[in-house]
C-alpha cells in the first residue's frame, strides 16, 4: 500500500476573505499565481459548482503536467474543497483532496489555510514548498493590486 500524507500551509493574505476566495474561482487570476514559479498554468478549465471540473494544464519547466479534479464543496467566502490528481505522480490515478479555508484576520486581511490530504508521501516535500510558494505569489499579487487601487 502506498503511504500518503497531508500538506498543511497557512498564510495571512492582504485582502478580505471574499476577495481572496474569489481569486480561486477567477480563471484569469489563477493563471497569474497558481503553481510555484517557474511552472505556469498554460490552460485552465474551471466549472465553479459542486461536481464541476477543475483542470490545470501546467508547463513545469518544459514538462507538461495535467492536474484534474472536481469541486466537492464551495462555501463563499469560507471554504473550497476539490479533488486533485496529478499526471506526474507515481500513480497518476491517485486522488487527493484539497481543502482551502478563508478566515477574517485583523483589518481587512485573511488567514488562508490549505490542507491537501492523500498526497503520495514521496511528494510531500515538493507539495509543501509548492503550496508555500504559490501562497506567496497570491499574496504578492493581492498586495500589488491594493497598491494599484490606492488601498495600502
C-alpha atoms as a PDB file:
ATOM      1  CA  UNK A   1       0.000   0.000   0.000  1.00  0.00           C
ATOM      2  CA  UNK A   2       1.243   3.476  -0.874  1.00  0.00           C
ATOM      3  CA  UNK A   3       1.795   5.862   2.006  1.00  0.00           C
ATOM      4  CA  UNK A   4       0.028   9.218   1.903  1.00  0.00           C
ATOM      5  CA  UNK A   5       0.471  12.496   3.738  1.00  0.00           C
ATOM      6  CA  UNK A   6      -1.367  15.755   4.385  1.00  0.00           C
ATOM      7  CA  UNK A   7       0.323  19.000   3.408  1.00  0.00           C
ATOM      8  CA  UNK A   8      -0.711  21.967   5.551  1.00  0.00           C
ATOM      9  CA  UNK A   9       0.177  25.576   4.788  1.00  0.00           C
ATOM     10  CA  UNK A  10      -1.302  28.845   6.009  1.00  0.00           C
ATOM     11  CA  UNK A  11      -0.582  32.484   5.354  1.00  0.00           C
ATOM     12  CA  UNK A  12      -2.092  35.872   6.052  1.00  0.00           C
ATOM     13  CA  UNK A  13      -3.370  37.410   2.824  1.00  0.00           C
ATOM     14  CA  UNK A  14      -3.568  41.192   2.405  1.00  0.00           C
ATOM     15  CA  UNK A  15      -7.256  41.286   1.427  1.00  0.00           C
ATOM     16  CA  UNK A  16     -10.615  40.366   2.986  1.00  0.00           C
ATOM     17  CA  UNK A  17     -11.891  36.753   2.705  1.00  0.00           C
ATOM     18  CA  UNK A  18     -14.353  37.389  -0.140  1.00  0.00           C
ATOM     19  CA  UNK A  19     -11.603  38.865  -2.351  1.00  0.00           C
ATOM     20  CA  UNK A  20      -9.130  36.079  -1.566  1.00  0.00           C
ATOM     21  CA  UNK A  21     -11.778  33.395  -2.098  1.00  0.00           C
ATOM     22  CA  UNK A  22     -12.735  34.886  -5.472  1.00  0.00           C
ATOM     23  CA  UNK A  23      -9.113  34.629  -6.684  1.00  0.00           C
ATOM     24  CA  UNK A  24      -9.529  30.823  -6.606  1.00  0.00           C
ATOM     25  CA  UNK A  25     -12.515  30.955  -8.966  1.00  0.00           C
ATOM     26  CA  UNK A  26     -11.247  33.581 -11.417  1.00  0.00           C
ATOM     27  CA  UNK A  27      -9.566  31.804 -14.358  1.00  0.00           C
ATOM     28  CA  UNK A  28      -7.560  34.854 -15.436  1.00  0.00           C
ATOM     29  CA  UNK A  29      -6.248  35.398 -11.922  1.00  0.00           C
ATOM     30  CA  UNK A  30      -5.468  31.716 -11.350  1.00  0.00           C
ATOM     31  CA  UNK A  31      -3.153  31.656 -14.349  1.00  0.00           C
ATOM     32  CA  UNK A  32      -1.200  34.523 -12.746  1.00  0.00           C
ATOM     33  CA  UNK A  33      -0.497  32.943  -9.355  1.00  0.00           C
ATOM     34  CA  UNK A  34      -1.274  29.202  -9.359  1.00  0.00           C
ATOM     35  CA  UNK A  35       1.734  26.841  -9.444  1.00  0.00           C
ATOM     36  CA  UNK A  36       5.142  27.678  -7.989  1.00  0.00           C
ATOM     37  CA  UNK A  37       7.351  29.534 -10.447  1.00  0.00           C
ATOM     38  CA  UNK A  38       8.915  28.793 -12.863  1.00  0.00           C
ATOM     39  CA  UNK A  39       5.971  26.411 -13.516  1.00  0.00           C
ATOM     40  CA  UNK A  40       2.980  28.060 -15.165  1.00  0.00           C
ATOM     41  CA  UNK A  41      -0.639  27.244 -15.896  1.00  0.00           C
ATOM     42  CA  UNK A  42      -0.917  27.321 -19.701  1.00  0.00           C
ATOM     43  CA  UNK A  43      -4.561  26.229 -19.992  1.00  0.00           C
ATOM     44  CA  UNK A  44      -7.365  26.048 -17.473  1.00  0.00           C
ATOM     45  CA  UNK A  45     -10.869  24.630 -17.178  1.00  0.00           C
ATOM     46  CA  UNK A  46     -12.850  25.804 -14.192  1.00  0.00           C
ATOM     47  CA  UNK A  47     -16.515  24.992 -13.560  1.00  0.00           C
ATOM     48  CA  UNK A  48     -17.133  26.534 -10.107  1.00  0.00           C
ATOM     49  CA  UNK A  49     -20.050  24.450  -8.868  1.00  0.00           C
ATOM     50  CA  UNK A  50     -20.216  21.235  -6.855  1.00  0.00           C
ATOM     51  CA  UNK A  51     -19.333  18.434  -9.263  1.00  0.00           C
ATOM     52  CA  UNK A  52     -17.725  20.904 -11.674  1.00  0.00           C
ATOM     53  CA  UNK A  53     -14.339  20.338 -13.276  1.00  0.00           C
ATOM     54  CA  UNK A  54     -11.002  21.717 -12.148  1.00  0.00           C
ATOM     55  CA  UNK A  55      -8.244  21.235 -14.733  1.00  0.00           C
ATOM     56  CA  UNK A  56      -4.823  22.840 -14.917  1.00  0.00           C
ATOM     57  CA  UNK A  57      -2.503  22.190 -17.857  1.00  0.00           C
ATOM     58  CA  UNK A  58       0.893  23.121 -16.449  1.00  0.00           C
ATOM     59  CA  UNK A  59       4.256  23.775 -18.060  1.00  0.00           C
ATOM     60  CA  UNK A  60       6.692  22.638 -15.373  1.00  0.00           C
ATOM     61  CA  UNK A  61       9.980  23.857 -16.859  1.00  0.00           C
ATOM     62  CA  UNK A  62       9.281  22.265 -20.220  1.00  0.00           C
ATOM     63  CA  UNK A  63       7.453  19.195 -18.884  1.00  0.00           C
ATOM     64  CA  UNK A  64       3.695  19.030 -19.367  1.00  0.00           C
ATOM     65  CA  UNK A  65       1.723  18.167 -16.226  1.00  0.00           C
ATOM     66  CA  UNK A  66      -2.036  17.686 -16.091  1.00  0.00           C
ATOM     67  CA  UNK A  67      -3.871  18.338 -12.829  1.00  0.00           C
ATOM     68  CA  UNK A  68      -7.536  17.342 -12.747  1.00  0.00           C
ATOM     69  CA  UNK A  69     -10.284  17.267 -10.161  1.00  0.00           C
ATOM     70  CA  UNK A  70     -13.847  18.077  -9.214  1.00  0.00           C
ATOM     71  CA  UNK A  71     -15.320  20.580  -6.820  1.00  0.00           C
ATOM     72  CA  UNK A  72     -16.686  18.876  -3.703  1.00  0.00           C
ATOM     73  CA  UNK A  73     -17.774  21.945  -1.734  1.00  0.00           C
ATOM     74  CA  UNK A  74     -17.985  25.680  -2.394  1.00  0.00           C
ATOM     75  CA  UNK A  75     -18.999  27.900   0.528  1.00  0.00           C
ATOM     76  CA  UNK A  76     -18.149  31.504  -0.334  1.00  0.00           C
ATOM     77  CA  UNK A  77     -16.189  33.080   1.285  1.00  0.00           C
ATOM     78  CA  UNK A  78     -15.198  30.393   3.796  1.00  0.00           C
ATOM     79  CA  UNK A  79     -14.327  27.099   2.104  1.00  0.00           C
ATOM     80  CA  UNK A  80     -13.308  25.400  -1.128  1.00  0.00           C
ATOM     81  CA  UNK A  81     -12.854  21.615  -1.394  1.00  0.00           C
ATOM     82  CA  UNK A  82     -11.895  19.795  -4.571  1.00  0.00           C
ATOM     83  CA  UNK A  83     -10.194  16.603  -5.666  1.00  0.00           C
ATOM     84  CA  UNK A  84      -6.733  16.676  -7.247  1.00  0.00           C
ATOM     85  CA  UNK A  85      -4.998  14.110  -9.441  1.00  0.00           C
ATOM     86  CA  UNK A  86      -1.550  14.792 -10.859  1.00  0.00           C
ATOM     87  CA  UNK A  87      -0.229  13.193 -14.045  1.00  0.00           C
ATOM     88  CA  UNK A  88       3.370  13.094 -12.818  1.00  0.00           C
ATOM     89  CA  UNK A  89       2.712  11.253  -9.553  1.00  0.00           C
ATOM     90  CA  UNK A  90       3.987   7.680  -9.234  1.00  0.00           C
ATOM     91  CA  UNK A  91       0.316   6.632  -9.603  1.00  0.00           C
ATOM     92  CA  UNK A  92      -1.335   9.270 -11.808  1.00  0.00           C
ATOM     93  CA  UNK A  93      -4.773   7.803 -10.986  1.00  0.00           C
ATOM     94  CA  UNK A  94      -4.365   8.601  -7.277  1.00  0.00           C
ATOM     95  CA  UNK A  95      -6.887  11.133  -5.996  1.00  0.00           C
ATOM     96  CA  UNK A  96      -6.091  13.635  -3.261  1.00  0.00           C
ATOM     97  CA  UNK A  97      -8.311  16.291  -1.682  1.00  0.00           C
ATOM     98  CA  UNK A  98      -7.552  19.999  -1.386  1.00  0.00           C
ATOM     99  CA  UNK A  99      -9.396  21.992   1.297  1.00  0.00           C
ATOM    100  CA  UNK A 100      -8.826  25.740   1.414  1.00  0.00           C
ATOM    101  CA  UNK A 101     -10.292  27.830   4.234  1.00  0.00           C
ATOM    102  CA  UNK A 102     -10.555  31.604   4.466  1.00  0.00           C
ATOM    103  CA  UNK A 103     -10.963  33.307   7.857  1.00  0.00           C
ATOM    104  CA  UNK A 104     -11.083  37.031   8.668  1.00  0.00           C
ATOM    105  CA  UNK A 105      -7.828  38.241  10.204  1.00  0.00           C
ATOM    106  CA  UNK A 106      -7.033  41.686  11.619  1.00  0.00           C
ATOM    107  CA  UNK A 107      -8.161  44.625   9.470  1.00  0.00           C
ATOM    108  CA  UNK A 108      -9.304  43.501   6.022  1.00  0.00           C
ATOM    109  CA  UNK A 109      -6.945  40.537   5.887  1.00  0.00           C
ATOM    110  CA  UNK A 110      -7.485  36.789   5.591  1.00  0.00           C
ATOM    111  CA  UNK A 111      -5.894  33.771   7.187  1.00  0.00           C
ATOM    112  CA  UNK A 112      -5.855  31.359   4.242  1.00  0.00           C
ATOM    113  CA  UNK A 113      -5.129  27.734   5.103  1.00  0.00           C
ATOM    114  CA  UNK A 114      -4.772  24.660   2.962  1.00  0.00           C
ATOM    115  CA  UNK A 115      -4.936  21.012   3.908  1.00  0.00           C
ATOM    116  CA  UNK A 116      -4.007  18.885   0.887  1.00  0.00           C
ATOM    117  CA  UNK A 117      -4.711  15.319   2.014  1.00  0.00           C
ATOM    118  CA  UNK A 118      -3.936  11.927   0.479  1.00  0.00           C
ATOM    119  CA  UNK A 119      -0.801  13.278  -1.213  1.00  0.00           C
ATOM    120  CA  UNK A 120       1.677  10.480  -2.004  1.00  0.00           C
ATOM    121  CA  UNK A 121       4.242  10.589   0.805  1.00  0.00           C
ATOM    122  CA  UNK A 122       7.057  10.789  -1.756  1.00  0.00           C
ATOM    123  CA  UNK A 123       5.566  14.097  -2.983  1.00  0.00           C
ATOM    124  CA  UNK A 124       5.174  15.759   0.451  1.00  0.00           C
ATOM    125  CA  UNK A 125       8.269  17.988   0.234  1.00  0.00           C
ATOM    126  CA  UNK A 126       7.534  19.208  -3.271  1.00  0.00           C
ATOM    127  CA  UNK A 127       3.908  19.953  -2.430  1.00  0.00           C
ATOM    128  CA  UNK A 128       4.705  21.688   0.859  1.00  0.00           C
ATOM    129  CA  UNK A 129       7.202  24.007  -0.802  1.00  0.00           C
ATOM    130  CA  UNK A 130       4.941  24.344  -3.856  1.00  0.00           C
ATOM    131  CA  UNK A 131       1.893  25.450  -1.870  1.00  0.00           C
ATOM    132  CA  UNK A 132       4.066  27.784   0.237  1.00  0.00           C
ATOM    133  CA  UNK A 133       5.466  29.444  -2.893  1.00  0.00           C
ATOM    134  CA  UNK A 134       2.021  29.576  -4.516  1.00  0.00           C
ATOM    135  CA  UNK A 135       0.549  31.283  -1.427  1.00  0.00           C
ATOM    136  CA  UNK A 136       3.404  33.810  -1.525  1.00  0.00           C
ATOM    137  CA  UNK A 137       2.662  34.504  -5.205  1.00  0.00           C
ATOM    138  CA  UNK A 138      -1.018  35.108  -4.449  1.00  0.00           C
ATOM    139  CA  UNK A 139      -0.141  37.416  -1.528  1.00  0.00           C
ATOM    140  CA  UNK A 140       2.209  39.419  -3.777  1.00  0.00           C
ATOM    141  CA  UNK A 141      -0.494  39.718  -6.456  1.00  0.00           C
ATOM    142  CA  UNK A 142      -3.079  40.900  -3.903  1.00  0.00           C
ATOM    143  CA  UNK A 143      -0.598  43.400  -2.430  1.00  0.00           C
ATOM    144  CA  UNK A 144       0.210  44.749  -5.910  1.00  0.00           C
ATOM    145  CA  UNK A 145      -3.497  45.165  -6.697  1.00  0.00           C
ATOM    146  CA  UNK A 146      -4.080  47.021  -3.437  1.00  0.00           C
ATOM    147  CA  UNK A 147      -1.224  49.397  -4.205  1.00  0.00           C
ATOM    148  CA  UNK A 148      -2.628  49.975  -7.701  1.00  0.00           C
ATOM    149  CA  UNK A 149      -6.058  50.695  -6.155  1.00  0.00           C
ATOM    150  CA  UNK A 150      -4.528  53.027  -3.558  1.00  0.00           C
ATOM    151  CA  UNK A 151      -5.594  50.797  -0.643  1.00  0.00           C
ATOM    152  CA  UNK A 152      -2.217  50.296   1.010  1.00  0.00           C
END
